Amino acid sequence: LKAKDDSHAVAAVAKDASHETAVESLKAELKAKDDSHAVAAVAKDASHETAVESLKAELKAKDDSHAADVESLKAELKAKDDLHASAVAKVGSHATAAESLKAEL
């Protein structure tokens, strides 16, 4: 009976040690997976951040281009307004000259 008890005790200790080793192995595996996921998450965040910065730069370039287009159109419109004002002044001058000639005649 004592030999059987001793045998069972040895088997129980061995089984506990085996379970403890298995638990430690699973813990190590879980930690490795967590670390891998953390690294992947950081890489994904960095990738998204780079994509966002790229889109911001693209948007700024488009805004700058639009601003330049607007300034160009404003300058073109001002030149046309100036030309129109000059034409109106000439017409006024011609009208005055015509009235003057009528008065002379």
C-alpha atoms as a PDB file:
ATOM      1  CA  LEU A   1       0.000   0.000   0.000  1.00  0.00           C
ATOM      2  CA  LYS A   2       2.815   2.391   0.881  1.00  0.00           C
ATOM      3  CA  ALA A   3       4.571   1.565  -2.385  1.00  0.00           C
ATOM      4  CA  LYS A   4       1.345   2.301  -4.290  1.00  0.00           C
ATOM      5  CA  ASP A   5       0.881   5.578  -2.390  1.00  0.00           C
ATOM      6  CA  ASP A   6       4.488   6.531  -3.118  1.00  0.00           C
ATOM      7  CA  SER A   7       4.001   5.603  -6.786  1.00  0.00           C
ATOM      8  CA  HIS A   8       0.827   7.692  -6.958  1.00  0.00           C
ATOM      9  CA  ALA A   9       2.576  10.609  -5.237  1.00  0.00           C
ATOM     10  CA  VAL A  10       5.468  10.442  -7.718  1.00  0.00           C
ATOM     11  CA  ALA A  11       2.981  10.232 -10.608  1.00  0.00           C
ATOM     12  CA  ALA A  12       1.029  13.209  -9.227  1.00  0.00           C
ATOM     13  CA  VAL A  13       4.205  15.301  -8.860  1.00  0.00           C
ATOM     14  CA  ALA A  14       5.260  14.349 -12.398  1.00  0.00           C
ATOM     15  CA  LYS A  15       1.792  15.181 -13.723  1.00  0.00           C
ATOM     16  CA  ASP A  16       1.816  18.557 -11.903  1.00  0.00           C
ATOM     17  CA  ALA A  17       5.265  19.310 -13.295  1.00  0.00           C
ATOM     18  CA  SER A  18       4.109  18.335 -16.785  1.00  0.00           C
ATOM     19  CA  HIS A  19       1.015  20.535 -16.469  1.00  0.00           C
ATOM     20  CA  GLU A  20       3.109  23.411 -15.135  1.00  0.00           C
ATOM     21  CA  THR A  21       5.475  23.075 -18.093  1.00  0.00           C
ATOM     22  CA  ALA A  22       2.534  22.998 -20.506  1.00  0.00           C
ATOM     23  CA  VAL A  23       1.004  26.081 -18.853  1.00  0.00           C
ATOM     24  CA  GLU A  24       4.319  27.955 -19.057  1.00  0.00           C
ATOM     25  CA  SER A  25       4.680  26.946 -22.712  1.00  0.00           C
ATOM     26  CA  LEU A  26       1.164  28.213 -23.483  1.00  0.00           C
ATOM     27  CA  LYS A  27       1.876  31.456 -21.609  1.00  0.00           C
ATOM     28  CA  ALA A  28       5.035  31.964 -23.659  1.00  0.00           C
ATOM     29  CA  GLU A  29       3.129  31.240 -26.891  1.00  0.00           C
ATOM     30  CA  LEU A  30       0.366  33.688 -25.922  1.00  0.00           C
ATOM     31  CA  LYS A  31       2.925  36.393 -25.081  1.00  0.00           C
ATOM     32  CA  ALA A  32       4.651  35.854 -28.435  1.00  0.00           C
ATOM     33  CA  LYS A  33       1.298  36.228 -30.229  1.00  0.00           C
ATOM     34  CA  ASP A  34       0.459  39.375 -28.219  1.00  0.00           C
ATOM     35  CA  ASP A  35       3.873  40.843 -29.039  1.00  0.00           C
ATOM     36  CA  SER A  36       3.380  39.998 -32.721  1.00  0.00           C
ATOM     37  CA  HIS A  37      -0.055  41.643 -32.729  1.00  0.00           C
ATOM     38  CA  ALA A  38       1.339  44.723 -30.984  1.00  0.00           C
ATOM     39  CA  VAL A  39       4.105  45.038 -33.587  1.00  0.00           C
ATOM     40  CA  ALA A  40       1.559  44.588 -36.398  1.00  0.00           C
ATOM     41  CA  ALA A  41      -0.732  47.222 -34.838  1.00  0.00           C
ATOM     42  CA  VAL A  42       2.133  49.719 -34.563  1.00  0.00           C
ATOM     43  CA  ALA A  43       3.133  49.047 -38.176  1.00  0.00           C
ATOM     44  CA  LYS A  44      -0.479  49.465 -39.326  1.00  0.00           C
ATOM     45  CA  ASP A  45      -0.797  52.751 -37.393  1.00  0.00           C
ATOM     46  CA  ALA A  46       2.438  54.008 -38.944  1.00  0.00           C
ATOM     47  CA  SER A  47       1.201  52.998 -42.393  1.00  0.00           C
ATOM     48  CA  HIS A  48      -2.115  54.793 -41.856  1.00  0.00           C
ATOM     49  CA  GLU A  49      -0.303  57.860 -40.542  1.00  0.00           C
ATOM     50  CA  THR A  50       1.899  57.906 -43.654  1.00  0.00           C
ATOM     51  CA  ALA A  51      -1.178  57.562 -45.881  1.00  0.00           C
ATOM     52  CA  VAL A  52      -2.922  60.416 -44.039  1.00  0.00           C
ATOM     53  CA  GLU A  53       0.147  62.647 -44.379  1.00  0.00           C
ATOM     54  CA  SER A  54       0.333  61.819 -48.078  1.00  0.00           C
ATOM     55  CA  LEU A  55      -3.339  62.726 -48.545  1.00  0.00           C
ATOM     56  CA  LYS A  56      -2.842  65.964 -46.594  1.00  0.00           C
ATOM     57  CA  ALA A  57       0.080  66.894 -48.859  1.00  0.00           C
ATOM     58  CA  GLU A  58      -1.971  66.060 -51.957  1.00  0.00           C
ATOM     59  CA  LEU A  59      -4.882  68.171 -50.693  1.00  0.00           C
ATOM     60  CA  LYS A  60      -2.557  71.093 -49.906  1.00  0.00           C
ATOM     61  CA  ALA A  61      -1.052  70.880 -53.389  1.00  0.00           C
ATOM     62  CA  LYS A  62      -4.537  70.952 -54.911  1.00  0.00           C
ATOM     63  CA  ASP A  63      -5.539  73.884 -52.674  1.00  0.00           C
ATOM     64  CA  ASP A  64      -2.380  75.766 -53.678  1.00  0.00           C
ATOM     65  CA  SER A  65      -3.094  75.024 -57.342  1.00  0.00           C
ATOM     66  CA  HIS A  66      -6.689  76.228 -56.984  1.00  0.00           C
ATOM     67  CA  ALA A  67      -5.520  79.376 -55.203  1.00  0.00           C
ATOM     68  CA  ALA A  68      -3.110  80.073 -58.065  1.00  0.00           C
ATOM     69  CA  ASP A  69      -5.917  79.480 -60.585  1.00  0.00           C
ATOM     70  CA  VAL A  70      -8.178  81.889 -58.690  1.00  0.00           C
ATOM     71  CA  GLU A  71      -5.454  84.561 -58.619  1.00  0.00           C
ATOM     72  CA  SER A  72      -4.851  84.069 -62.355  1.00  0.00           C
ATOM     73  CA  LEU A  73      -8.583  84.406 -63.078  1.00  0.00           C
ATOM     74  CA  LYS A  74      -8.787  87.538 -60.911  1.00  0.00           C
ATOM     75  CA  ALA A  75      -5.899  89.096 -62.842  1.00  0.00           C
ATOM     76  CA  GLU A  76      -7.549  88.151 -66.150  1.00  0.00           C
ATOM     77  CA  LEU A  77     -10.868  89.628 -65.018  1.00  0.00           C
ATOM     78  CA  LYS A  78      -9.167  92.850 -63.868  1.00  0.00           C
ATOM     79  CA  ALA A  79      -7.420  93.172 -67.243  1.00  0.00           C
ATOM     80  CA  LYS A  80     -10.772  92.749 -69.013  1.00  0.00           C
ATOM     81  CA  ASP A  81     -12.402  95.282 -66.674  1.00  0.00           C
ATOM     82  CA  ASP A  82      -9.588  97.745 -67.361  1.00  0.00           C
ATOM     83  CA  LEU A  83      -9.973  97.208 -71.119  1.00  0.00           C
ATOM     84  CA  HIS A  84     -13.735  97.708 -70.837  1.00  0.00           C
ATOM     85  CA  ALA A  85     -13.268 100.901 -68.806  1.00  0.00           C
ATOM     86  CA  SER A  86     -10.844 102.157 -71.437  1.00  0.00           C
ATOM     87  CA  ALA A  87     -13.365 101.385 -74.206  1.00  0.00           C
ATOM     88  CA  VAL A  88     -16.125 103.182 -72.285  1.00  0.00           C
ATOM     89  CA  ALA A  89     -13.857 106.208 -71.869  1.00  0.00           C
ATOM     90  CA  LYS A  90     -13.110 106.234 -75.623  1.00  0.00           C
ATOM     91  CA  VAL A  91     -16.805 106.050 -76.440  1.00  0.00           C
ATOM     92  CA  GLY A  92     -17.434 108.959 -74.053  1.00  0.00           C
ATOM     93  CA  SER A  93     -14.611 110.899 -75.650  1.00  0.00           C
ATOM     94  CA  HIS A  94     -15.985 110.211 -79.142  1.00  0.00           C
ATOM     95  CA  ALA A  95     -19.463 111.260 -78.038  1.00  0.00           C
ATOM     96  CA  THR A  96     -18.066 114.508 -76.665  1.00  0.00           C
ATOM     97  CA  ALA A  97     -16.126 115.099 -79.890  1.00  0.00           C
ATOM     98  CA  ALA A  98     -19.265 114.398 -81.937  1.00  0.00           C
ATOM     99  CA  GLU A  99     -21.286 116.870 -79.853  1.00  0.00           C
ATOM    100  CA  SER A 100     -18.532 119.431 -80.270  1.00  0.00           C
ATOM    101  CA  LEU A 101     -18.518 118.946 -84.068  1.00  0.00           C
ATOM    102  CA  LYS A 102     -22.342 119.236 -84.150  1.00  0.00           C
ATOM    103  CA  ALA A 103     -22.113 122.472 -82.235  1.00  0.00           C
ATOM    104  CA  GLU A 104     -19.554 123.810 -84.682  1.00  0.00           C
ATOM    105  CA  LEU A 105     -21.709 122.909 -87.663  1.00  0.00           C
END
